């Protein structure tokens, strides 16, 4: 019988491939396929569903296999793990490929959207910028830690650290002066890099219609809008706004039993970067809501008064995620609530 589902365990150099027919019977088992031969092997198969875990290089292979006429599905590794052992002992690449092949057949399986080349290139801008931000924070903390060894204790605020460290520079002995000077120079260099990438994000937002539409939402700026477009595209993989919010980890986890509903903290699943952008934007929106008369601002203020500040911030972030789904799916047909 013809192969209907193919599971591929991805790696850098050696891949495992497992294929089954419509009855689930094994028709293809290649536990060791080199990188140069994988594309030819998949191209030789009849059109079928090719499944992989969403890991490094997965989107590249997904685009390549789709060009051969296959329907490509990507899954989060944690959703494949329950099917990996299947009551058997041991773990290897062939077993992983068989587990992927089994998982993709589940009717309720959730899939990761395949990113285009343009999406991935835009997302790289965000990843690089965030890396520079992390490096700058680490460098500033290193300056604070080293200066504390000389009795100079500085507050956490970055601008104060820059100013005060420069003022104390001449007081430092020997190599300490050299080290702190070099670190301040590195902070300045990282500041310039981050400004460059902010300009890249501004240009991306200006050129992208979907990002411009997303920026109409309260608390969604250029960085959040372009990150959402790069991560989810047109949101076609999500059936509702709540599903997108759940994918981003902005819905409460359920611990229900015996007919009693218990909701806990938000799950914090999915991409932490996009979630943090939505939360920071929601915080800014709530702070700016005082004195406004639109329905969303009034709702946010009442919610903060009733449930507390931070719960209101997360609720606004979740609502923005839902409305972002509507914007990406409906485009110009979406209208903000009055």
C-alpha atoms as a PDB file:
ATOM      1  CA  UNK A   1       0.000   0.000   0.000  1.00  0.00           C
ATOM      2  CA  UNK A   2       1.050   3.635  -0.574  1.00  0.00           C
ATOM      3  CA  UNK A   3       2.788   5.590   2.152  1.00  0.00           C
ATOM      4  CA  UNK A   4       0.431   8.121   3.714  1.00  0.00           C
ATOM      5  CA  UNK A   5       2.380   9.436   6.734  1.00  0.00           C
ATOM      6  CA  UNK A   6       6.132   9.952   7.063  1.00  0.00           C
ATOM      7  CA  UNK A   7       7.878  10.878  10.306  1.00  0.00           C
ATOM      8  CA  UNK A   8      11.392  12.329  10.203  1.00  0.00           C
ATOM      9  CA  UNK A   9      13.662  12.686  13.222  1.00  0.00           C
ATOM     10  CA  UNK A  10      15.787  15.724  12.403  1.00  0.00           C
ATOM     11  CA  UNK A  11      19.458  16.126  13.217  1.00  0.00           C
ATOM     12  CA  UNK A  12      22.516  17.895  11.849  1.00  0.00           C
ATOM     13  CA  UNK A  13      23.992  15.107   9.712  1.00  0.00           C
ATOM     14  CA  UNK A  14      22.117  11.783  10.120  1.00  0.00           C
ATOM     15  CA  UNK A  15      18.310  11.532   9.994  1.00  0.00           C
ATOM     16  CA  UNK A  16      15.810   8.764  10.706  1.00  0.00           C
ATOM     17  CA  UNK A  17      12.757   8.280   8.453  1.00  0.00           C
ATOM     18  CA  UNK A  18       9.648   6.212   9.208  1.00  0.00           C
ATOM     19  CA  UNK A  19       6.666   5.788   6.872  1.00  0.00           C
ATOM     20  CA  UNK A  20       3.291   4.035   7.283  1.00  0.00           C
ATOM     21  CA  UNK A  21       0.262   3.388   5.101  1.00  0.00           C
ATOM     22  CA  UNK A  22      -3.344   4.340   5.847  1.00  0.00           C
ATOM     23  CA  UNK A  23      -3.754   1.315   8.128  1.00  0.00           C
ATOM     24  CA  UNK A  24      -0.707   2.292  10.203  1.00  0.00           C
ATOM     25  CA  UNK A  25       1.459  -0.547   8.903  1.00  0.00           C
ATOM     26  CA  UNK A  26       5.140   0.224   8.476  1.00  0.00           C
ATOM     27  CA  UNK A  27       6.130   0.672   4.820  1.00  0.00           C
ATOM     28  CA  UNK A  28       9.380   2.616   5.159  1.00  0.00           C
ATOM     29  CA  UNK A  29      12.087   2.413   7.798  1.00  0.00           C
ATOM     30  CA  UNK A  30      15.401   4.184   7.281  1.00  0.00           C
ATOM     31  CA  UNK A  31      17.165   4.649  10.645  1.00  0.00           C
ATOM     32  CA  UNK A  32      20.201   6.354   9.091  1.00  0.00           C
ATOM     33  CA  UNK A  33      19.849   8.778   6.186  1.00  0.00           C
ATOM     34  CA  UNK A  34      22.618  11.281   5.517  1.00  0.00           C
ATOM     35  CA  UNK A  35      21.852  14.949   5.046  1.00  0.00           C
ATOM     36  CA  UNK A  36      22.725  14.976   1.339  1.00  0.00           C
ATOM     37  CA  UNK A  37      20.370  12.054   0.622  1.00  0.00           C
ATOM     38  CA  UNK A  38      17.337  13.149   2.674  1.00  0.00           C
ATOM     39  CA  UNK A  39      15.865  15.553   0.130  1.00  0.00           C
ATOM     40  CA  UNK A  40      16.123  13.001  -2.696  1.00  0.00           C
ATOM     41  CA  UNK A  41      14.508  10.308  -0.547  1.00  0.00           C
ATOM     42  CA  UNK A  42      11.518  12.479   0.360  1.00  0.00           C
ATOM     43  CA  UNK A  43      11.191  13.718  -3.223  1.00  0.00           C
ATOM     44  CA  UNK A  44      10.924  10.134  -4.448  1.00  0.00           C
ATOM     45  CA  UNK A  45       7.897   9.453  -2.224  1.00  0.00           C
ATOM     46  CA  UNK A  46       4.322   9.948  -3.472  1.00  0.00           C
ATOM     47  CA  UNK A  47       2.552  13.039  -2.070  1.00  0.00           C
ATOM     48  CA  UNK A  48       1.903  12.377   1.625  1.00  0.00           C
ATOM     49  CA  UNK A  49       1.947  13.984   5.063  1.00  0.00           C
ATOM     50  CA  UNK A  50       5.513  14.610   6.245  1.00  0.00           C
ATOM     51  CA  UNK A  51       5.804  15.262   9.978  1.00  0.00           C
ATOM     52  CA  UNK A  52       8.712  16.620  12.004  1.00  0.00           C
ATOM     53  CA  UNK A  53       9.393  18.113  15.398  1.00  0.00           C
ATOM     54  CA  UNK A  54       9.662  21.911  15.438  1.00  0.00           C
ATOM     55  CA  UNK A  55      13.373  22.223  16.155  1.00  0.00           C
ATOM     56  CA  UNK A  56      16.468  23.748  14.573  1.00  0.00           C
ATOM     57  CA  UNK A  57      16.229  23.607  10.782  1.00  0.00           C
ATOM     58  CA  UNK A  58      12.649  22.293  10.783  1.00  0.00           C
ATOM     59  CA  UNK A  59      11.206  25.253   8.863  1.00  0.00           C
ATOM     60  CA  UNK A  60      13.880  24.955   6.166  1.00  0.00           C
ATOM     61  CA  UNK A  61      13.081  21.271   5.638  1.00  0.00           C
ATOM     62  CA  UNK A  62       9.336  22.008   5.759  1.00  0.00           C
ATOM     63  CA  UNK A  63       9.611  24.509   2.918  1.00  0.00           C
ATOM     64  CA  UNK A  64      11.797  22.124   0.922  1.00  0.00           C
ATOM     65  CA  UNK A  65       9.467  19.130   1.345  1.00  0.00           C
ATOM     66  CA  UNK A  66       6.413  21.263   0.566  1.00  0.00           C
ATOM     67  CA  UNK A  67       8.033  22.181  -2.764  1.00  0.00           C
ATOM     68  CA  UNK A  68       8.017  18.432  -3.569  1.00  0.00           C
ATOM     69  CA  UNK A  69       4.216  18.350  -3.185  1.00  0.00           C
ATOM     70  CA  UNK A  70       3.995  17.004   0.379  1.00  0.00           C
ATOM     71  CA  UNK A  71       1.784  18.315   3.180  1.00  0.00           C
ATOM     72  CA  UNK A  72       4.218  19.224   5.959  1.00  0.00           C
ATOM     73  CA  UNK A  73       3.277  19.267   9.648  1.00  0.00           C
ATOM     74  CA  UNK A  74       5.463  20.530  12.484  1.00  0.00           C
ATOM     75  CA  UNK A  75       4.778  19.593  16.101  1.00  0.00           C
ATOM     76  CA  UNK A  76       6.169  20.729  19.422  1.00  0.00           C
ATOM     77  CA  UNK A  77       8.547  18.046  20.800  1.00  0.00           C
ATOM     78  CA  UNK A  78       6.685  17.877  24.101  1.00  0.00           C
ATOM     79  CA  UNK A  79       3.527  16.809  22.242  1.00  0.00           C
ATOM     80  CA  UNK A  80       5.421  13.990  20.524  1.00  0.00           C
ATOM     81  CA  UNK A  81       7.044  12.675  23.715  1.00  0.00           C
ATOM     82  CA  UNK A  82       3.980  10.683  24.946  1.00  0.00           C
ATOM     83  CA  UNK A  83       4.117   8.574  21.760  1.00  0.00           C
ATOM     84  CA  UNK A  84       7.865   8.029  21.845  1.00  0.00           C
ATOM     85  CA  UNK A  85       8.096   4.969  24.073  1.00  0.00           C
ATOM     86  CA  UNK A  86       4.770   3.270  23.307  1.00  0.00           C
ATOM     87  CA  UNK A  87       5.333   0.759  26.088  1.00  0.00           C
ATOM     88  CA  UNK A  88       8.799  -0.176  24.830  1.00  0.00           C
ATOM     89  CA  UNK A  89      12.140   0.384  26.455  1.00  0.00           C
ATOM     90  CA  UNK A  90      14.957   2.430  25.020  1.00  0.00           C
ATOM     91  CA  UNK A  91      15.182   5.559  22.916  1.00  0.00           C
ATOM     92  CA  UNK A  92      16.861   5.976  19.550  1.00  0.00           C
ATOM     93  CA  UNK A  93      16.426   7.966  16.360  1.00  0.00           C
ATOM     94  CA  UNK A  94      14.324   5.283  14.641  1.00  0.00           C
ATOM     95  CA  UNK A  95      11.946   5.135  17.610  1.00  0.00           C
ATOM     96  CA  UNK A  96      11.693   8.933  17.594  1.00  0.00           C
ATOM     97  CA  UNK A  97      10.765   8.933  13.894  1.00  0.00           C
ATOM     98  CA  UNK A  98       8.108   6.266  14.539  1.00  0.00           C
ATOM     99  CA  UNK A  99       6.726   8.365  17.433  1.00  0.00           C
ATOM    100  CA  UNK A 100       6.500  11.428  15.179  1.00  0.00           C
ATOM    101  CA  UNK A 101       4.689   9.349  12.579  1.00  0.00           C
ATOM    102  CA  UNK A 102       2.231   8.167  15.236  1.00  0.00           C
ATOM    103  CA  UNK A 103       1.678  11.606  16.768  1.00  0.00           C
ATOM    104  CA  UNK A 104       0.812  13.335  13.496  1.00  0.00           C
ATOM    105  CA  UNK A 105      -2.147  10.980  13.007  1.00  0.00           C
ATOM    106  CA  UNK A 106      -3.861  12.062  16.225  1.00  0.00           C
ATOM    107  CA  UNK A 107      -7.047  14.037  15.397  1.00  0.00           C
ATOM    108  CA  UNK A 108      -6.493  16.595  18.174  1.00  0.00           C
ATOM    109  CA  UNK A 109      -2.804  17.205  17.542  1.00  0.00           C
ATOM    110  CA  UNK A 110      -1.772  20.873  17.489  1.00  0.00           C
ATOM    111  CA  UNK A 111       0.712  21.998  14.849  1.00  0.00           C
ATOM    112  CA  UNK A 112       3.299  24.750  14.574  1.00  0.00           C
ATOM    113  CA  UNK A 113       2.872  27.172  11.636  1.00  0.00           C
ATOM    114  CA  UNK A 114       5.561  26.781   8.980  1.00  0.00           C
ATOM    115  CA  UNK A 115       7.440  30.048   8.581  1.00  0.00           C
ATOM    116  CA  UNK A 116       8.312  31.517   5.214  1.00  0.00           C
ATOM    117  CA  UNK A 117      11.778  32.793   4.335  1.00  0.00           C
ATOM    118  CA  UNK A 118      10.588  36.359   4.880  1.00  0.00           C
ATOM    119  CA  UNK A 119       9.144  35.524   8.298  1.00  0.00           C
ATOM    120  CA  UNK A 120      12.324  33.840   9.434  1.00  0.00           C
ATOM    121  CA  UNK A 121      14.536  36.671   8.214  1.00  0.00           C
ATOM    122  CA  UNK A 122      12.377  39.208  10.076  1.00  0.00           C
ATOM    123  CA  UNK A 123      12.354  37.058  13.189  1.00  0.00           C
ATOM    124  CA  UNK A 124      16.161  36.947  13.074  1.00  0.00           C
ATOM    125  CA  UNK A 125      16.169  40.722  13.553  1.00  0.00           C
ATOM    126  CA  UNK A 126      14.209  40.322  16.772  1.00  0.00           C
ATOM    127  CA  UNK A 127      16.394  37.458  18.009  1.00  0.00           C
ATOM    128  CA  UNK A 128      19.589  39.393  17.320  1.00  0.00           C
ATOM    129  CA  UNK A 129      18.265  42.563  18.954  1.00  0.00           C
ATOM    130  CA  UNK A 130      17.150  40.648  22.030  1.00  0.00           C
ATOM    131  CA  UNK A 131      20.596  39.053  22.221  1.00  0.00           C
ATOM    132  CA  UNK A 132      22.200  42.491  22.243  1.00  0.00           C
ATOM    133  CA  UNK A 133      19.785  43.640  24.977  1.00  0.00           C
ATOM    134  CA  UNK A 134      20.669  40.609  27.111  1.00  0.00           C
ATOM    135  CA  UNK A 135      24.382  41.205  26.527  1.00  0.00           C
ATOM    136  CA  UNK A 136      24.025  44.872  27.510  1.00  0.00           C
ATOM    137  CA  UNK A 137      22.185  43.965  30.711  1.00  0.00           C
ATOM    138  CA  UNK A 138      24.861  41.396  31.566  1.00  0.00           C
ATOM    139  CA  UNK A 139      27.638  43.930  30.936  1.00  0.00           C
ATOM    140  CA  UNK A 140      25.983  46.563  33.124  1.00  0.00           C
ATOM    141  CA  UNK A 141      25.538  44.023  35.913  1.00  0.00           C
ATOM    142  CA  UNK A 142      29.196  43.047  35.522  1.00  0.00           C
ATOM    143  CA  UNK A 143      30.194  46.693  35.984  1.00  0.00           C
ATOM    144  CA  UNK A 144      28.069  46.945  39.128  1.00  0.00           C
ATOM    145  CA  UNK A 145      29.516  43.740  40.533  1.00  0.00           C
ATOM    146  CA  UNK A 146      33.142  44.701  39.879  1.00  0.00           C
ATOM    147  CA  UNK A 147      32.727  48.218  41.277  1.00  0.00           C
ATOM    148  CA  UNK A 148      31.167  46.838  44.451  1.00  0.00           C
ATOM    149  CA  UNK A 149      34.541  45.193  45.165  1.00  0.00           C
ATOM    150  CA  UNK A 150      35.951  48.711  45.563  1.00  0.00           C
ATOM    151  CA  UNK A 151      33.121  49.920  47.780  1.00  0.00           C
ATOM    152  CA  UNK A 152      31.234  51.643  44.938  1.00  0.00           C
ATOM    153  CA  UNK A 153      27.661  50.367  45.054  1.00  0.00           C
ATOM    154  CA  UNK A 154      25.479  51.538  42.194  1.00  0.00           C
ATOM    155  CA  UNK A 155      21.693  51.222  41.714  1.00  0.00           C
ATOM    156  CA  UNK A 156      20.206  48.964  39.059  1.00  0.00           C
ATOM    157  CA  UNK A 157      19.082  51.698  36.682  1.00  0.00           C
ATOM    158  CA  UNK A 158      21.188  51.491  33.523  1.00  0.00           C
ATOM    159  CA  UNK A 159      21.557  55.239  32.959  1.00  0.00           C
ATOM    160  CA  UNK A 160      22.737  55.774  36.531  1.00  0.00           C
ATOM    161  CA  UNK A 161      25.302  52.970  36.180  1.00  0.00           C
ATOM    162  CA  UNK A 162      26.678  54.544  33.003  1.00  0.00           C
ATOM    163  CA  UNK A 163      26.968  57.993  34.573  1.00  0.00           C
ATOM    164  CA  UNK A 164      28.263  56.984  38.001  1.00  0.00           C
ATOM    165  CA  UNK A 165      30.751  54.422  36.660  1.00  0.00           C
ATOM    166  CA  UNK A 166      32.241  57.050  34.341  1.00  0.00           C
ATOM    167  CA  UNK A 167      32.513  59.510  37.223  1.00  0.00           C
ATOM    168  CA  UNK A 168      34.375  56.983  39.420  1.00  0.00           C
ATOM    169  CA  UNK A 169      36.639  55.811  36.598  1.00  0.00           C
ATOM    170  CA  UNK A 170      39.636  57.965  37.532  1.00  0.00           C
ATOM    171  CA  UNK A 171      39.463  56.805  41.151  1.00  0.00           C
ATOM    172  CA  UNK A 172      40.064  53.160  40.232  1.00  0.00           C
ATOM    173  CA  UNK A 173      43.574  51.770  40.566  1.00  0.00           C
ATOM    174  CA  UNK A 174      45.667  50.076  37.864  1.00  0.00           C
ATOM    175  CA  UNK A 175      43.925  47.513  35.727  1.00  0.00           C
ATOM    176  CA  UNK A 176      40.553  48.180  37.371  1.00  0.00           C
ATOM    177  CA  UNK A 177      40.444  51.472  35.482  1.00  0.00           C
ATOM    178  CA  UNK A 178      41.182  49.656  32.213  1.00  0.00           C
ATOM    179  CA  UNK A 179      38.544  46.949  32.804  1.00  0.00           C
ATOM    180  CA  UNK A 180      35.711  49.331  33.730  1.00  0.00           C
ATOM    181  CA  UNK A 181      36.619  51.624  30.842  1.00  0.00           C
ATOM    182  CA  UNK A 182      36.484  48.726  28.394  1.00  0.00           C
ATOM    183  CA  UNK A 183      33.153  47.561  29.798  1.00  0.00           C
ATOM    184  CA  UNK A 184      31.663  51.056  29.478  1.00  0.00           C
ATOM    185  CA  UNK A 185      32.914  51.143  25.884  1.00  0.00           C
ATOM    186  CA  UNK A 186      31.235  47.777  25.284  1.00  0.00           C
ATOM    187  CA  UNK A 187      27.951  49.094  26.715  1.00  0.00           C
ATOM    188  CA  UNK A 188      28.157  52.084  24.344  1.00  0.00           C
ATOM    189  CA  UNK A 189      28.823  49.739  21.417  1.00  0.00           C
ATOM    190  CA  UNK A 190      25.800  47.608  22.347  1.00  0.00           C
ATOM    191  CA  UNK A 191      23.656  50.754  22.644  1.00  0.00           C
ATOM    192  CA  UNK A 192      24.553  51.628  19.073  1.00  0.00           C
ATOM    193  CA  UNK A 193      23.786  48.091  17.867  1.00  0.00           C
ATOM    194  CA  UNK A 194      20.373  48.131  19.537  1.00  0.00           C
ATOM    195  CA  UNK A 195      19.589  51.498  17.928  1.00  0.00           C
ATOM    196  CA  UNK A 196      20.484  50.029  14.537  1.00  0.00           C
ATOM    197  CA  UNK A 197      18.139  47.099  15.060  1.00  0.00           C
ATOM    198  CA  UNK A 198      15.395  49.421  16.316  1.00  0.00           C
ATOM    199  CA  UNK A 199      15.725  51.174  12.953  1.00  0.00           C
ATOM    200  CA  UNK A 200      15.410  47.803  11.180  1.00  0.00           C
ATOM    201  CA  UNK A 201      12.216  47.058  13.143  1.00  0.00           C
ATOM    202  CA  UNK A 202      10.841  50.512  12.295  1.00  0.00           C
ATOM    203  CA  UNK A 203      11.467  49.840   8.598  1.00  0.00           C
ATOM    204  CA  UNK A 204       9.809  46.403   8.824  1.00  0.00           C
ATOM    205  CA  UNK A 205       6.734  47.884  10.509  1.00  0.00           C
ATOM    206  CA  UNK A 206       6.509  50.620   7.896  1.00  0.00           C
ATOM    207  CA  UNK A 207       6.615  48.124   5.012  1.00  0.00           C
ATOM    208  CA  UNK A 208       4.192  45.565   6.484  1.00  0.00           C
ATOM    209  CA  UNK A 209       0.444  46.153   6.192  1.00  0.00           C
ATOM    210  CA  UNK A 210      -0.382  43.523   8.826  1.00  0.00           C
ATOM    211  CA  UNK A 211       1.985  45.177  11.306  1.00  0.00           C
ATOM    212  CA  UNK A 212       0.380  48.567  10.646  1.00  0.00           C
ATOM    213  CA  UNK A 213      -3.045  47.076  11.374  1.00  0.00           C
ATOM    214  CA  UNK A 214      -1.794  45.429  14.574  1.00  0.00           C
ATOM    215  CA  UNK A 215      -0.418  48.747  15.809  1.00  0.00           C
ATOM    216  CA  UNK A 216      -3.981  50.042  16.045  1.00  0.00           C
ATOM    217  CA  UNK A 217      -4.416  47.881  19.164  1.00  0.00           C
ATOM    218  CA  UNK A 218      -3.704  49.569  22.466  1.00  0.00           C
ATOM    219  CA  UNK A 219      -0.328  48.534  23.858  1.00  0.00           C
ATOM    220  CA  UNK A 220       0.947  47.129  20.546  1.00  0.00           C
ATOM    221  CA  UNK A 221       3.873  49.015  19.041  1.00  0.00           C
ATOM    222  CA  UNK A 222       6.306  48.376  16.215  1.00  0.00           C
ATOM    223  CA  UNK A 223       8.324  45.714  18.027  1.00  0.00           C
ATOM    224  CA  UNK A 224       5.310  43.685  19.162  1.00  0.00           C
ATOM    225  CA  UNK A 225       3.505  43.989  15.826  1.00  0.00           C
ATOM    226  CA  UNK A 226       6.467  42.874  13.705  1.00  0.00           C
ATOM    227  CA  UNK A 227       7.267  40.041  16.137  1.00  0.00           C
ATOM    228  CA  UNK A 228       3.694  38.740  15.929  1.00  0.00           C
ATOM    229  CA  UNK A 229       3.695  38.832  12.129  1.00  0.00           C
ATOM    230  CA  UNK A 230       7.054  37.045  12.038  1.00  0.00           C
ATOM    231  CA  UNK A 231       5.917  34.378  14.503  1.00  0.00           C
ATOM    232  CA  UNK A 232       2.390  33.524  13.325  1.00  0.00           C
ATOM    233  CA  UNK A 233       2.046  34.987   9.826  1.00  0.00           C
ATOM    234  CA  UNK A 234      -1.660  35.169   8.979  1.00  0.00           C
ATOM    235  CA  UNK A 235      -2.599  33.008  12.013  1.00  0.00           C
ATOM    236  CA  UNK A 236      -4.181  30.386   9.749  1.00  0.00           C
ATOM    237  CA  UNK A 237      -3.041  27.554  12.063  1.00  0.00           C
ATOM    238  CA  UNK A 238      -5.229  28.881  14.880  1.00  0.00           C
ATOM    239  CA  UNK A 239      -8.973  28.345  14.857  1.00  0.00           C
ATOM    240  CA  UNK A 240      -9.718  31.125  17.353  1.00  0.00           C
ATOM    241  CA  UNK A 241      -8.150  34.009  19.205  1.00  0.00           C
ATOM    242  CA  UNK A 242      -8.165  32.049  22.429  1.00  0.00           C
ATOM    243  CA  UNK A 243      -6.099  29.327  20.800  1.00  0.00           C
ATOM    244  CA  UNK A 244      -3.450  31.895  19.889  1.00  0.00           C
ATOM    245  CA  UNK A 245      -3.521  33.276  23.442  1.00  0.00           C
ATOM    246  CA  UNK A 246      -3.122  29.736  24.786  1.00  0.00           C
ATOM    247  CA  UNK A 247      -0.232  29.108  22.365  1.00  0.00           C
ATOM    248  CA  UNK A 248       1.478  32.180  23.816  1.00  0.00           C
ATOM    249  CA  UNK A 249       0.880  30.993  27.395  1.00  0.00           C
ATOM    250  CA  UNK A 250      -1.486  33.815  28.345  1.00  0.00           C
ATOM    251  CA  UNK A 251      -4.404  31.686  29.582  1.00  0.00           C
ATOM    252  CA  UNK A 252      -4.716  30.141  33.063  1.00  0.00           C
ATOM    253  CA  UNK A 253      -3.828  26.496  33.577  1.00  0.00           C
ATOM    254  CA  UNK A 254      -6.705  24.243  34.602  1.00  0.00           C
ATOM    255  CA  UNK A 255      -6.595  21.934  37.614  1.00  0.00           C
ATOM    256  CA  UNK A 256     -10.238  20.844  37.517  1.00  0.00           C
ATOM    257  CA  UNK A 257     -11.633  17.637  38.945  1.00  0.00           C
ATOM    258  CA  UNK A 258     -14.904  16.272  40.265  1.00  0.00           C
ATOM    259  CA  UNK A 259     -16.944  18.839  38.387  1.00  0.00           C
ATOM    260  CA  UNK A 260     -15.220  21.727  40.157  1.00  0.00           C
ATOM    261  CA  UNK A 261     -13.300  24.184  37.994  1.00  0.00           C
ATOM    262  CA  UNK A 262      -9.957  25.332  39.342  1.00  0.00           C
ATOM    263  CA  UNK A 263      -7.944  27.860  37.371  1.00  0.00           C
ATOM    264  CA  UNK A 264      -4.329  28.533  38.284  1.00  0.00           C
ATOM    265  CA  UNK A 265      -1.627  30.857  37.024  1.00  0.00           C
ATOM    266  CA  UNK A 266      -1.058  31.428  33.322  1.00  0.00           C
ATOM    267  CA  UNK A 267       0.715  28.519  31.658  1.00  0.00           C
ATOM    268  CA  UNK A 268       3.638  30.587  30.240  1.00  0.00           C
ATOM    269  CA  UNK A 269       3.803  28.143  27.352  1.00  0.00           C
ATOM    270  CA  UNK A 270       5.083  29.111  23.918  1.00  0.00           C
ATOM    271  CA  UNK A 271       7.452  31.909  22.998  1.00  0.00           C
ATOM    272  CA  UNK A 272       8.542  33.938  26.033  1.00  0.00           C
ATOM    273  CA  UNK A 273       9.749  36.856  23.894  1.00  0.00           C
ATOM    274  CA  UNK A 274       6.388  37.605  22.243  1.00  0.00           C
ATOM    275  CA  UNK A 275       4.561  37.020  25.517  1.00  0.00           C
ATOM    276  CA  UNK A 276       6.805  39.493  27.336  1.00  0.00           C
ATOM    277  CA  UNK A 277       6.238  42.092  24.610  1.00  0.00           C
ATOM    278  CA  UNK A 278       2.473  41.720  24.958  1.00  0.00           C
ATOM    279  CA  UNK A 279       2.669  41.990  28.752  1.00  0.00           C
ATOM    280  CA  UNK A 280       4.912  45.077  28.644  1.00  0.00           C
ATOM    281  CA  UNK A 281       2.607  46.673  26.099  1.00  0.00           C
ATOM    282  CA  UNK A 282      -0.428  45.851  28.236  1.00  0.00           C
ATOM    283  CA  UNK A 283       1.264  47.479  31.224  1.00  0.00           C
ATOM    284  CA  UNK A 284       1.858  50.662  29.236  1.00  0.00           C
ATOM    285  CA  UNK A 285      -1.740  50.592  27.978  1.00  0.00           C
ATOM    286  CA  UNK A 286      -3.134  50.253  31.507  1.00  0.00           C
ATOM    287  CA  UNK A 287      -0.961  53.108  32.769  1.00  0.00           C
ATOM    288  CA  UNK A 288      -2.210  55.306  29.930  1.00  0.00           C
ATOM    289  CA  UNK A 289      -5.887  54.296  30.287  1.00  0.00           C
ATOM    290  CA  UNK A 290      -6.690  56.809  33.042  1.00  0.00           C
ATOM    291  CA  UNK A 291      -8.862  59.605  31.714  1.00  0.00           C
ATOM    292  CA  UNK A 292      -9.776  57.815  28.485  1.00  0.00           C
ATOM    293  CA  UNK A 293     -13.414  57.084  27.610  1.00  0.00           C
ATOM    294  CA  UNK A 294     -13.152  54.289  25.028  1.00  0.00           C
ATOM    295  CA  UNK A 295     -14.630  50.914  25.945  1.00  0.00           C
ATOM    296  CA  UNK A 296     -11.297  49.047  26.197  1.00  0.00           C
ATOM    297  CA  UNK A 297      -9.733  51.623  28.527  1.00  0.00           C
ATOM    298  CA  UNK A 298     -12.840  51.690  30.740  1.00  0.00           C
ATOM    299  CA  UNK A 299     -12.863  47.884  30.870  1.00  0.00           C
ATOM    300  CA  UNK A 300      -9.172  47.785  31.776  1.00  0.00           C
ATOM    301  CA  UNK A 301      -9.553  50.327  34.589  1.00  0.00           C
ATOM    302  CA  UNK A 302     -12.558  48.537  36.065  1.00  0.00           C
ATOM    303  CA  UNK A 303     -10.737  45.218  35.871  1.00  0.00           C
ATOM    304  CA  UNK A 304      -7.669  46.644  37.636  1.00  0.00           C
ATOM    305  CA  UNK A 305      -9.878  48.032  40.394  1.00  0.00           C
ATOM    306  CA  UNK A 306     -11.758  44.761  40.791  1.00  0.00           C
ATOM    307  CA  UNK A 307      -8.955  42.176  40.367  1.00  0.00           C
ATOM    308  CA  UNK A 308      -5.696  44.038  40.916  1.00  0.00           C
ATOM    309  CA  UNK A 309      -3.060  45.677  38.744  1.00  0.00           C
ATOM    310  CA  UNK A 310      -1.046  42.693  37.500  1.00  0.00           C
ATOM    311  CA  UNK A 311      -4.038  40.474  36.794  1.00  0.00           C
ATOM    312  CA  UNK A 312      -5.452  43.309  34.713  1.00  0.00           C
ATOM    313  CA  UNK A 313      -2.142  43.617  32.831  1.00  0.00           C
ATOM    314  CA  UNK A 314      -2.163  39.918  31.916  1.00  0.00           C
ATOM    315  CA  UNK A 315      -5.846  40.106  30.952  1.00  0.00           C
ATOM    316  CA  UNK A 316      -5.115  43.018  28.609  1.00  0.00           C
ATOM    317  CA  UNK A 317      -2.216  41.065  27.087  1.00  0.00           C
ATOM    318  CA  UNK A 318      -4.496  38.060  26.527  1.00  0.00           C
ATOM    319  CA  UNK A 319      -7.168  40.279  24.969  1.00  0.00           C
ATOM    320  CA  UNK A 320      -4.560  41.832  22.675  1.00  0.00           C
ATOM    321  CA  UNK A 321      -3.480  38.352  21.590  1.00  0.00           C
ATOM    322  CA  UNK A 322      -7.095  37.502  20.745  1.00  0.00           C
ATOM    323  CA  UNK A 323      -7.605  40.740  18.823  1.00  0.00           C
ATOM    324  CA  UNK A 324      -4.257  40.230  17.069  1.00  0.00           C
ATOM    325  CA  UNK A 325      -5.595  36.903  15.758  1.00  0.00           C
ATOM    326  CA  UNK A 326      -8.681  38.678  14.435  1.00  0.00           C
ATOM    327  CA  UNK A 327      -6.539  41.369  12.783  1.00  0.00           C
ATOM    328  CA  UNK A 328      -4.268  38.810  11.090  1.00  0.00           C
ATOM    329  CA  UNK A 329      -7.167  36.642   9.929  1.00  0.00           C
ATOM    330  CA  UNK A 330      -9.578  39.372   8.816  1.00  0.00           C
ATOM    331  CA  UNK A 331      -7.159  42.094   7.758  1.00  0.00           C
ATOM    332  CA  UNK A 332      -8.885  45.341   6.839  1.00  0.00           C
ATOM    333  CA  UNK A 333     -12.286  43.823   7.658  1.00  0.00           C
ATOM    334  CA  UNK A 334     -11.415  43.926  11.382  1.00  0.00           C
ATOM    335  CA  UNK A 335     -12.860  46.884  13.277  1.00  0.00           C
ATOM    336  CA  UNK A 336     -11.746  47.925  16.740  1.00  0.00           C
ATOM    337  CA  UNK A 337     -14.498  48.003  19.392  1.00  0.00           C
ATOM    338  CA  UNK A 338     -15.856  51.502  19.932  1.00  0.00           C
END
